[in-house]
Amino acid sequence: EQLHQELRLLLLICVLAGSAPLAVFPRCSSRVHAAVQH
């Protein structure tokens, strides 16, 4: 979680750019969140 916290900004940008799944954030791992990202 500490490592995840340090890369939080980069992971958020990667999710918006399509370089990482939204499930990289544990609270956003449902099918609804996946459908929104798709």
PDB file of all heavy atoms in Angstrom:
ATOM      1  N   GLU A   1       0.831  -1.208   0.000  1.00  0.00           N
ATOM      2  CA  GLU A   1       0.000   0.000   0.000  1.00  0.00           C
ATOM      3  C   GLU A   1       0.863   1.256   0.000  1.00  0.00           C
ATOM      4  O   GLU A   1       0.497   2.266  -0.613  1.00  0.00           O
ATOM      5  CB  GLU A   1      -0.920  -0.013   1.212  1.00  0.00           C
ATOM      6  CG  GLU A   1      -2.039  -1.038   1.120  1.00  0.00           C
ATOM      7  CD  GLU A   1      -2.890  -1.070   2.369  1.00  0.00           C
ATOM      8  OE1 GLU A   1      -2.488  -0.412   3.363  1.00  0.00           O
ATOM      9  OE2 GLU A   1      -3.939  -1.743   2.367  1.00  0.00           O
ATOM     10  N   GLN A   2       1.992   1.211   0.672  1.00  0.00           N
ATOM     11  CA  GLN A   2       2.898   2.360   0.682  1.00  0.00           C
ATOM     12  C   GLN A   2       3.432   2.635  -0.719  1.00  0.00           C
ATOM     13  O   GLN A   2       3.471   3.780  -1.175  1.00  0.00           O
ATOM     14  CB  GLN A   2       4.047   2.099   1.647  1.00  0.00           C
ATOM     15  CG  GLN A   2       5.046   3.251   1.740  1.00  0.00           C
ATOM     16  CD  GLN A   2       6.206   2.910   2.662  1.00  0.00           C
ATOM     17  OE1 GLN A   2       6.232   1.850   3.266  1.00  0.00           O
ATOM     18  NE2 GLN A   2       7.158   3.813   2.749  1.00  0.00           N
ATOM     19  N   LEU A   3       3.853   1.578  -1.422  1.00  0.00           N
ATOM     20  CA  LEU A   3       4.321   1.739  -2.798  1.00  0.00           C
ATOM     21  C   LEU A   3       3.201   2.225  -3.700  1.00  0.00           C
ATOM     22  O   LEU A   3       3.407   3.092  -4.562  1.00  0.00           O
ATOM     23  CB  LEU A   3       4.868   0.406  -3.302  1.00  0.00           C
ATOM     24  CG  LEU A   3       5.386   0.382  -4.742  1.00  0.00           C
ATOM     25  CD1 LEU A   3       6.569   1.329  -4.904  1.00  0.00           C
ATOM     26  CD2 LEU A   3       5.784  -1.029  -5.150  1.00  0.00           C
ATOM     27  N   HIS A   4       2.002   1.686  -3.503  1.00  0.00           N
ATOM     28  CA  HIS A   4       0.837   2.108  -4.289  1.00  0.00           C
ATOM     29  C   HIS A   4       0.538   3.588  -4.065  1.00  0.00           C
ATOM     30  O   HIS A   4       0.183   4.310  -5.012  1.00  0.00           O
ATOM     31  CB  HIS A   4      -0.367   1.249  -3.902  1.00  0.00           C
ATOM     32  CG  HIS A   4      -1.561   1.429  -4.777  1.00  0.00           C
ATOM     33  ND1 HIS A   4      -2.423   2.500  -4.649  1.00  0.00           N
ATOM     34  CD2 HIS A   4      -2.032   0.692  -5.813  1.00  0.00           C
ATOM     35  CE1 HIS A   4      -3.383   2.401  -5.543  1.00  0.00           C
ATOM     36  NE2 HIS A   4      -3.174   1.313  -6.268  1.00  0.00           N
ATOM     37  N   GLN A   5       0.695   4.037  -2.830  1.00  0.00           N
ATOM     38  CA  GLN A   5       0.426   5.435  -2.509  1.00  0.00           C
ATOM     39  C   GLN A   5       1.413   6.366  -3.200  1.00  0.00           C
ATOM     40  O   GLN A   5       1.041   7.463  -3.655  1.00  0.00           O
ATOM     41  CB  GLN A   5       0.485   5.631  -0.991  1.00  0.00           C
ATOM     42  CG  GLN A   5       0.040   6.994  -0.514  1.00  0.00           C
ATOM     43  CD  GLN A   5      -1.447   7.246  -0.743  1.00  0.00           C
ATOM     44  OE1 GLN A   5      -2.231   6.294  -0.794  1.00  0.00           O
ATOM     45  NE2 GLN A   5      -1.822   8.504  -0.881  1.00  0.00           N
ATOM     46  N   GLU A   6       2.677   5.943  -3.294  1.00  0.00           N
ATOM     47  CA  GLU A   6       3.681   6.788  -3.941  1.00  0.00           C
ATOM     48  C   GLU A   6       3.446   6.894  -5.439  1.00  0.00           C
ATOM     49  O   GLU A   6       3.807   7.896  -6.059  1.00  0.00           O
ATOM     50  CB  GLU A   6       5.083   6.226  -3.675  1.00  0.00           C
ATOM     51  CG  GLU A   6       5.465   6.156  -2.209  1.00  0.00           C
ATOM     52  CD  GLU A   6       5.339   7.499  -1.529  1.00  0.00           C
ATOM     53  OE1 GLU A   6       5.664   8.509  -2.160  1.00  0.00           O
ATOM     54  OE2 GLU A   6       4.905   7.536  -0.362  1.00  0.00           O
ATOM     55  N   LEU A   7       2.857   5.865  -6.038  1.00  0.00           N
ATOM     56  CA  LEU A   7       2.604   5.864  -7.486  1.00  0.00           C
ATOM     57  C   LEU A   7       1.155   6.235  -7.813  1.00  0.00           C
ATOM     58  O   LEU A   7       0.717   6.018  -8.944  1.00  0.00           O
ATOM     59  CB  LEU A   7       2.914   4.481  -8.072  1.00  0.00           C
ATOM     60  CG  LEU A   7       4.381   4.033  -8.012  1.00  0.00           C
ATOM     61  CD1 LEU A   7       4.504   2.596  -8.486  1.00  0.00           C
ATOM     62  CD2 LEU A   7       5.265   4.945  -8.849  1.00  0.00           C
ATOM     63  N   ARG A   8       0.444   6.778  -6.857  1.00  0.00           N
ATOM     64  CA  ARG A   8      -0.989   7.024  -7.039  1.00  0.00           C
ATOM     65  C   ARG A   8      -1.258   7.979  -8.198  1.00  0.00           C
ATOM     66  O   ARG A   8      -2.140   7.735  -9.026  1.00  0.00           O
ATOM     67  CB  ARG A   8      -1.580   7.579  -5.742  1.00  0.00           C
ATOM     68  CG  ARG A   8      -3.097   7.634  -5.750  1.00  0.00           C
ATOM     69  CD  ARG A   8      -3.633   8.085  -4.398  1.00  0.00           C
ATOM     70  NE  ARG A   8      -5.087   8.031  -4.361  1.00  0.00           N
ATOM     71  CZ  ARG A   8      -5.783   6.944  -4.080  1.00  0.00           C
ATOM     72  NH1 ARG A   8      -5.156   5.817  -3.802  1.00  0.00           N
ATOM     73  NH2 ARG A   8      -7.105   6.970  -4.063  1.00  0.00           N
ATOM     74  N   LEU A   9      -0.510   9.078  -8.277  1.00  0.00           N
ATOM     75  CA  LEU A   9      -0.721  10.053  -9.351  1.00  0.00           C
ATOM     76  C   LEU A   9      -0.448   9.426 -10.712  1.00  0.00           C
ATOM     77  O   LEU A   9      -1.237   9.595 -11.654  1.00  0.00           O
ATOM     78  CB  LEU A   9       0.184  11.265  -9.139  1.00  0.00           C
ATOM     79  CG  LEU A   9       0.154  12.333 -10.240  1.00  0.00           C
ATOM     80  CD1 LEU A   9      -1.249  12.909 -10.385  1.00  0.00           C
ATOM     81  CD2 LEU A   9       1.164  13.436  -9.963  1.00  0.00           C
ATOM     82  N   LEU A  10       0.655   8.704 -10.826  1.00  0.00           N
ATOM     83  CA  LEU A  10       0.982   8.056 -12.097  1.00  0.00           C
ATOM     84  C   LEU A  10      -0.071   7.026 -12.473  1.00  0.00           C
ATOM     85  O   LEU A  10      -0.470   6.935 -13.646  1.00  0.00           O
ATOM     86  CB  LEU A  10       2.358   7.394 -11.998  1.00  0.00           C
ATOM     87  CG  LEU A  10       2.807   6.582 -13.222  1.00  0.00           C
ATOM     88  CD1 LEU A  10       2.883   7.459 -14.459  1.00  0.00           C
ATOM     89  CD2 LEU A  10       4.151   5.920 -12.956  1.00  0.00           C
ATOM     90  N   LEU A  11      -0.549   6.242 -11.512  1.00  0.00           N
ATOM     91  CA  LEU A  11      -1.562   5.226 -11.801  1.00  0.00           C
ATOM     92  C   LEU A  11      -2.877   5.870 -12.242  1.00  0.00           C
ATOM     93  O   LEU A  11      -3.555   5.349 -13.139  1.00  0.00           O
ATOM     94  CB  LEU A  11      -1.789   4.361 -10.560  1.00  0.00           C
ATOM     95  CG  LEU A  11      -0.606   3.480 -10.139  1.00  0.00           C
ATOM     96  CD1 LEU A  11      -0.921   2.761  -8.840  1.00  0.00           C
ATOM     97  CD2 LEU A  11      -0.262   2.480 -11.228  1.00  0.00           C
ATOM     98  N   LEU A  12      -3.231   6.994 -11.637  1.00  0.00           N
ATOM     99  CA  LEU A  12      -4.454   7.691 -12.045  1.00  0.00           C
ATOM    100  C   LEU A  12      -4.342   8.183 -13.483  1.00  0.00           C
ATOM    101  O   LEU A  12      -5.281   8.040 -14.289  1.00  0.00           O
ATOM    102  CB  LEU A  12      -4.710   8.862 -11.097  1.00  0.00           C
ATOM    103  CG  LEU A  12      -5.937   9.726 -11.399  1.00  0.00           C
ATOM    104  CD1 LEU A  12      -7.202   8.892 -11.346  1.00  0.00           C
ATOM    105  CD2 LEU A  12      -6.022  10.899 -10.433  1.00  0.00           C
ATOM    106  N   ILE A  13      -3.188   8.750 -13.843  1.00  0.00           N
ATOM    107  CA  ILE A  13      -2.973   9.208 -15.228  1.00  0.00           C
ATOM    108  C   ILE A  13      -2.977   8.032 -16.180  1.00  0.00           C
ATOM    109  O   ILE A  13      -3.533   8.113 -17.287  1.00  0.00           O
ATOM    110  CB  ILE A  13      -1.658  10.002 -15.312  1.00  0.00           C
ATOM    111  CG1 ILE A  13      -1.745  11.272 -14.458  1.00  0.00           C
ATOM    112  CG2 ILE A  13      -1.332  10.369 -16.752  1.00  0.00           C
ATOM    113  CD1 ILE A  13      -0.443  12.043 -14.383  1.00  0.00           C
ATOM    114  N   CYS A  14      -2.377   6.913 -15.769  1.00  0.00           N
ATOM    115  CA  CYS A  14      -2.352   5.722 -16.618  1.00  0.00           C
ATOM    116  C   CYS A  14      -3.758   5.165 -16.846  1.00  0.00           C
ATOM    117  O   CYS A  14      -4.078   4.681 -17.940  1.00  0.00           O
ATOM    118  CB  CYS A  14      -1.462   4.649 -15.993  1.00  0.00           C
ATOM    119  SG  CYS A  14       0.301   4.990 -16.091  1.00  0.00           S
ATOM    120  N   VAL A  15      -4.606   5.220 -15.825  1.00  0.00           N
ATOM    121  CA  VAL A  15      -5.992   4.751 -15.983  1.00  0.00           C
ATOM    122  C   VAL A  15      -6.729   5.614 -16.997  1.00  0.00           C
ATOM    123  O   VAL A  15      -7.451   5.107 -17.871  1.00  0.00           O
ATOM    124  CB  VAL A  15      -6.712   4.764 -14.612  1.00  0.00           C
ATOM    125  CG1 VAL A  15      -8.218   4.592 -14.797  1.00  0.00           C
ATOM    126  CG2 VAL A  15      -6.168   3.650 -13.732  1.00  0.00           C
ATOM    127  N   LEU A  16      -6.570   6.931 -16.913  1.00  0.00           N
ATOM    128  CA  LEU A  16      -7.232   7.827 -17.870  1.00  0.00           C
ATOM    129  C   LEU A  16      -6.687   7.645 -19.282  1.00  0.00           C
ATOM    130  O   LEU A  16      -7.426   7.816 -20.257  1.00  0.00           O
ATOM    131  CB  LEU A  16      -7.052   9.281 -17.421  1.00  0.00           C
ATOM    132  CG  LEU A  16      -7.725   9.663 -16.096  1.00  0.00           C
ATOM    133  CD1 LEU A  16      -7.361  11.095 -15.715  1.00  0.00           C
ATOM    134  CD2 LEU A  16      -9.233   9.500 -16.198  1.00  0.00           C
ATOM    135  N   ALA A  17      -5.395   7.302 -19.405  1.00  0.00           N
ATOM    136  CA  ALA A  17      -4.779   7.120 -20.724  1.00  0.00           C
ATOM    137  C   ALA A  17      -4.964   5.716 -21.270  1.00  0.00           C
ATOM    138  O   ALA A  17      -4.548   5.445 -22.398  1.00  0.00           O
ATOM    139  CB  ALA A  17      -3.291   7.453 -20.649  1.00  0.00           C
ATOM    140  N   GLY A  18      -5.554   4.813 -20.474  1.00  0.00           N
ATOM    141  CA  GLY A  18      -5.745   3.446 -20.950  1.00  0.00           C
ATOM    142  C   GLY A  18      -4.525   2.566 -20.794  1.00  0.00           C
ATOM    143  O   GLY A  18      -4.466   1.486 -21.376  1.00  0.00           O
ATOM    144  N   SER A  19      -3.559   2.994 -19.978  1.00  0.00           N
ATOM    145  CA  SER A  19      -2.337   2.214 -19.781  1.00  0.00           C
ATOM    146  C   SER A  19      -2.394   1.303 -18.568  1.00  0.00           C
ATOM    147  O   SER A  19      -1.468   0.521 -18.344  1.00  0.00           O
ATOM    148  CB  SER A  19      -1.133   3.160 -19.633  1.00  0.00           C
ATOM    149  OG  SER A  19      -1.036   4.021 -20.745  1.00  0.00           O
ATOM    150  N   ALA A  20      -3.451   1.416 -17.768  1.00  0.00           N
ATOM    151  CA  ALA A  20      -3.614   0.574 -16.582  1.00  0.00           C
ATOM    152  C   ALA A  20      -5.103   0.368 -16.341  1.00  0.00           C
ATOM    153  O   ALA A  20      -5.907   1.270 -16.614  1.00  0.00           O
ATOM    154  CB  ALA A  20      -2.954   1.213 -15.361  1.00  0.00           C
ATOM    155  N   PRO A  21      -5.497  -0.795 -15.856  1.00  0.00           N
ATOM    156  CA  PRO A  21      -6.919  -1.024 -15.567  1.00  0.00           C
ATOM    157  C   PRO A  21      -7.357  -0.241 -14.335  1.00  0.00           C
ATOM    158  O   PRO A  21      -6.553   0.043 -13.442  1.00  0.00           O
ATOM    159  CB  PRO A  21      -6.986  -2.535 -15.327  1.00  0.00           C
ATOM    160  CG  PRO A  21      -5.618  -2.899 -14.855  1.00  0.00           C
ATOM    161  CD  PRO A  21      -4.671  -1.973 -15.564  1.00  0.00           C
ATOM    162  N   LEU A  22      -8.634   0.075 -14.290  1.00  0.00           N
ATOM    163  CA  LEU A  22      -9.170   0.806 -13.145  1.00  0.00           C
ATOM    164  C   LEU A  22      -9.099  -0.027 -11.866  1.00  0.00           C
ATOM    165  O   LEU A  22      -9.118   0.516 -10.759  1.00  0.00           O
ATOM    166  CB  LEU A  22     -10.616   1.229 -13.423  1.00  0.00           C
ATOM    167  CG  LEU A  22     -11.261   2.252 -12.485  1.00  0.00           C
ATOM    168  CD1 LEU A  22     -10.431   3.512 -12.398  1.00  0.00           C
ATOM    169  CD2 LEU A  22     -12.676   2.571 -12.930  1.00  0.00           C
ATOM    170  N   ALA A  23      -8.970  -1.353 -12.031  1.00  0.00           N
ATOM    171  CA  ALA A  23      -8.867  -2.239 -10.870  1.00  0.00           C
ATOM    172  C   ALA A  23      -7.572  -2.050 -10.115  1.00  0.00           C
ATOM    173  O   ALA A  23      -7.381  -2.660  -9.056  1.00  0.00           O
ATOM    174  CB  ALA A  23      -8.994  -3.693 -11.321  1.00  0.00           C
ATOM    175  N   VAL A  24      -6.667  -1.218 -10.607  1.00  0.00           N
ATOM    176  CA  VAL A  24      -5.446  -0.924  -9.859  1.00  0.00           C
ATOM    177  C   VAL A  24      -5.768  -0.212  -8.561  1.00  0.00           C
ATOM    178  O   VAL A  24      -4.983  -0.250  -7.610  1.00  0.00           O
ATOM    179  CB  VAL A  24      -4.491  -0.080 -10.728  1.00  0.00           C
ATOM    180  CG1 VAL A  24      -4.997   1.334 -10.901  1.00  0.00           C
ATOM    181  CG2 VAL A  24      -3.081  -0.089 -10.159  1.00  0.00           C
ATOM    182  N   PHE A  25      -6.943   0.416  -8.497  1.00  0.00           N
ATOM    183  CA  PHE A  25      -7.448   0.986  -7.254  1.00  0.00           C
ATOM    184  C   PHE A  25      -8.448  -0.013  -6.653  1.00  0.00           C
ATOM    185  O   PHE A  25      -9.470  -0.306  -7.289  1.00  0.00           O
ATOM    186  CB  PHE A  25      -8.127   2.328  -7.510  1.00  0.00           C
ATOM    187  CG  PHE A  25      -7.210   3.365  -8.082  1.00  0.00           C
ATOM    188  CD1 PHE A  25      -7.265   3.696  -9.433  1.00  0.00           C
ATOM    189  CD2 PHE A  25      -6.270   4.001  -7.291  1.00  0.00           C
ATOM    190  CE1 PHE A  25      -6.414   4.638  -9.975  1.00  0.00           C
ATOM    191  CE2 PHE A  25      -5.408   4.949  -7.817  1.00  0.00           C
ATOM    192  CZ  PHE A  25      -5.479   5.264  -9.166  1.00  0.00           C
ATOM    193  N   PRO A  26      -8.179  -0.564  -5.490  1.00  0.00           N
ATOM    194  CA  PRO A  26      -9.020  -1.635  -4.935  1.00  0.00           C
ATOM    195  C   PRO A  26     -10.495  -1.275  -4.819  1.00  0.00           C
ATOM    196  O   PRO A  26     -11.353  -2.145  -4.944  1.00  0.00           O
ATOM    197  CB  PRO A  26      -8.396  -1.885  -3.544  1.00  0.00           C
ATOM    198  CG  PRO A  26      -6.978  -1.416  -3.679  1.00  0.00           C
ATOM    199  CD  PRO A  26      -7.022  -0.249  -4.627  1.00  0.00           C
ATOM    200  N   ARG A  27     -10.802  -0.004  -4.577  1.00  0.00           N
ATOM    201  CA  ARG A  27     -12.201   0.377  -4.428  1.00  0.00           C
ATOM    202  C   ARG A  27     -12.936   0.472  -5.760  1.00  0.00           C
ATOM    203  O   ARG A  27     -14.155   0.668  -5.774  1.00  0.00           O
ATOM    204  CB  ARG A  27     -12.289   1.727  -3.709  1.00  0.00           C
ATOM    205  CG  ARG A  27     -11.730   1.702  -2.288  1.00  0.00           C
ATOM    206  CD  ARG A  27     -11.867   3.066  -1.632  1.00  0.00           C
ATOM    207  NE  ARG A  27     -11.340   3.066  -0.264  1.00  0.00           N
ATOM    208  CZ  ARG A  27     -11.312   4.127   0.531  1.00  0.00           C
ATOM    209  NH1 ARG A  27     -11.805   5.295   0.080  1.00  0.00           N
ATOM    210  NH2 ARG A  27     -10.807   4.037   1.746  1.00  0.00           N
ATOM    211  N   CYS A  28     -12.222   0.356  -6.852  1.00  0.00           N
ATOM    212  CA  CYS A  28     -12.837   0.500  -8.184  1.00  0.00           C
ATOM    213  C   CYS A  28     -12.642  -0.773  -9.008  1.00  0.00           C
ATOM    214  O   CYS A  28     -12.306  -0.718 -10.183  1.00  0.00           O
ATOM    215  CB  CYS A  28     -12.229   1.691  -8.918  1.00  0.00           C
ATOM    216  SG  CYS A  28     -12.350   3.254  -8.048  1.00  0.00           S
ATOM    217  N   SER A  29     -12.821  -1.913  -8.381  1.00  0.00           N
ATOM    218  CA  SER A  29     -12.591  -3.187  -9.060  1.00  0.00           C
ATOM    219  C   SER A  29     -13.879  -3.897  -9.477  1.00  0.00           C
ATOM    220  O   SER A  29     -13.837  -5.059  -9.886  1.00  0.00           O
ATOM    221  CB  SER A  29     -11.780  -4.119  -8.160  1.00  0.00           C
ATOM    222  OG  SER A  29     -12.436  -4.317  -6.917  1.00  0.00           O
ATOM    223  N   SER A  30     -15.009  -3.210  -9.379  1.00  0.00           N
ATOM    224  CA  SER A  30     -16.277  -3.845  -9.748  1.00  0.00           C
ATOM    225  C   SER A  30     -16.470  -3.817 -11.265  1.00  0.00           C
ATOM    226  O   SER A  30     -15.740  -3.147 -12.005  1.00  0.00           O
ATOM    227  CB  SER A  30     -17.443  -3.133  -9.057  1.00  0.00           C
ATOM    228  OG  SER A  30     -17.560  -1.798  -9.527  1.00  0.00           O
ATOM    229  N   ARG A  31     -17.477  -4.534 -11.731  1.00  0.00           N
ATOM    230  CA  ARG A  31     -17.775  -4.578 -13.163  1.00  0.00           C
ATOM    231  C   ARG A  31     -18.287  -3.235 -13.671  1.00  0.00           C
ATOM    232  O   ARG A  31     -18.076  -2.887 -14.831  1.00  0.00           O
ATOM    233  CB  ARG A  31     -18.816  -5.671 -13.436  1.00  0.00           C
ATOM    234  CG  ARG A  31     -18.302  -7.085 -13.172  1.00  0.00           C
ATOM    235  CD  ARG A  31     -19.352  -8.110 -13.540  1.00  0.00           C
ATOM    236  NE  ARG A  31     -18.843  -9.468 -13.337  1.00  0.00           N
ATOM    237  CZ  ARG A  31     -19.552 -10.563 -13.598  1.00  0.00           C
ATOM    238  NH1 ARG A  31     -20.800 -10.461 -14.058  1.00  0.00           N
ATOM    239  NH2 ARG A  31     -19.024 -11.749 -13.375  1.00  0.00           N
ATOM    240  N   VAL A  32     -18.974  -2.497 -12.798  1.00  0.00           N
ATOM    241  CA  VAL A  32     -19.495  -1.186 -13.209  1.00  0.00           C
ATOM    242  C   VAL A  32     -18.339  -0.239 -13.518  1.00  0.00           C
ATOM    243  O   VAL A  32     -18.349   0.461 -14.543  1.00  0.00           O
ATOM    244  CB  VAL A  32     -20.398  -0.603 -12.105  1.00  0.00           C
ATOM    245  CG1 VAL A  32     -20.859   0.801 -12.487  1.00  0.00           C
ATOM    246  CG2 VAL A  32     -21.586  -1.512 -11.860  1.00  0.00           C
ATOM    247  N   HIS A  33     -17.335  -0.229 -12.656  1.00  0.00           N
ATOM    248  CA  HIS A  33     -16.170   0.623 -12.894  1.00  0.00           C
ATOM    249  C   HIS A  33     -15.433   0.189 -14.160  1.00  0.00           C
ATOM    250  O   HIS A  33     -14.960   1.039 -14.935  1.00  0.00           O
ATOM    251  CB  HIS A  33     -15.221   0.569 -11.700  1.00  0.00           C
ATOM    252  CG  HIS A  33     -15.762   1.212 -10.462  1.00  0.00           C
ATOM    253  ND1 HIS A  33     -16.426   0.505  -9.482  1.00  0.00           N
ATOM    254  CD2 HIS A  33     -15.759   2.511 -10.052  1.00  0.00           C
ATOM    255  CE1 HIS A  33     -16.786   1.320  -8.512  1.00  0.00           C
ATOM    256  NE2 HIS A  33     -16.400   2.554  -8.830  1.00  0.00           N
ATOM    257  N   ALA A  34     -15.335  -1.122 -14.379  1.00  0.00           N
ATOM    258  CA  ALA A  34     -14.674  -1.614 -15.599  1.00  0.00           C
ATOM    259  C   ALA A  34     -15.443  -1.193 -16.838  1.00  0.00           C
ATOM    260  O   ALA A  34     -14.848  -0.803 -17.861  1.00  0.00           O
ATOM    261  CB  ALA A  34     -14.538  -3.128 -15.535  1.00  0.00           C
ATOM    262  N   ALA A  35     -16.781  -1.246 -16.768  1.00  0.00           N
ATOM    263  CA  ALA A  35     -17.596  -0.838 -17.913  1.00  0.00           C
ATOM    264  C   ALA A  35     -17.434   0.654 -18.199  1.00  0.00           C
ATOM    265  O   ALA A  35     -17.387   1.075 -19.365  1.00  0.00           O
ATOM    266  CB  ALA A  35     -19.065  -1.173 -17.646  1.00  0.00           C
ATOM    267  N   VAL A  36     -17.342   1.456 -17.139  1.00  0.00           N
ATOM    268  CA  VAL A  36     -17.140   2.901 -17.327  1.00  0.00           C
ATOM    269  C   VAL A  36     -15.804   3.176 -18.009  1.00  0.00           C
ATOM    270  O   VAL A  36     -15.711   3.994 -18.934  1.00  0.00           O
ATOM    271  CB  VAL A  36     -17.226   3.626 -15.967  1.00  0.00           C
ATOM    272  CG1 VAL A  36     -16.793   5.087 -16.113  1.00  0.00           C
ATOM    273  CG2 VAL A  36     -18.643   3.557 -15.413  1.00  0.00           C
ATOM    274  N   GLN A  37     -14.757   2.484 -17.566  1.00  0.00           N
ATOM    275  CA  GLN A  37     -13.449   2.692 -18.199  1.00  0.00           C
ATOM    276  C   GLN A  37     -13.449   2.232 -19.652  1.00  0.00           C
ATOM    277  O   GLN A  37     -12.887   2.898 -20.530  1.00  0.00           O
ATOM    278  CB  GLN A  37     -12.354   1.953 -17.432  1.00  0.00           C
ATOM    279  CG  GLN A  37     -10.955   2.274 -17.962  1.00  0.00           C
ATOM    280  CD  GLN A  37      -9.862   1.495 -17.278  1.00  0.00           C
ATOM    281  OE1 GLN A  37     -10.124   0.455 -16.669  1.00  0.00           O
ATOM    282  NE2 GLN A  37      -8.633   1.969 -17.388  1.00  0.00           N
ATOM    283  N   HIS A  38     -14.109   1.099 -19.936  1.00  0.00           N
ATOM    284  CA  HIS A  38     -14.179   0.626 -21.318  1.00  0.00           C
ATOM    285  C   HIS A  38     -14.904   1.630 -22.213  1.00  0.00           C
ATOM    286  O   HIS A  38     -14.490   1.871 -23.356  1.00  0.00           O
ATOM    287  CB  HIS A  38     -14.885  -0.729 -21.371  1.00  0.00           C
ATOM    288  CG  HIS A  38     -14.100  -1.827 -20.721  1.00  0.00           C
ATOM    289  ND1 HIS A  38     -14.656  -3.052 -20.380  1.00  0.00           N
ATOM    290  CD2 HIS A  38     -12.797  -1.891 -20.341  1.00  0.00           C
ATOM    291  CE1 HIS A  38     -13.731  -3.814 -19.828  1.00  0.00           C
ATOM    292  NE2 HIS A  38     -12.605  -3.126 -19.792  1.00  0.00           N
TER     293      HIS A  38
END
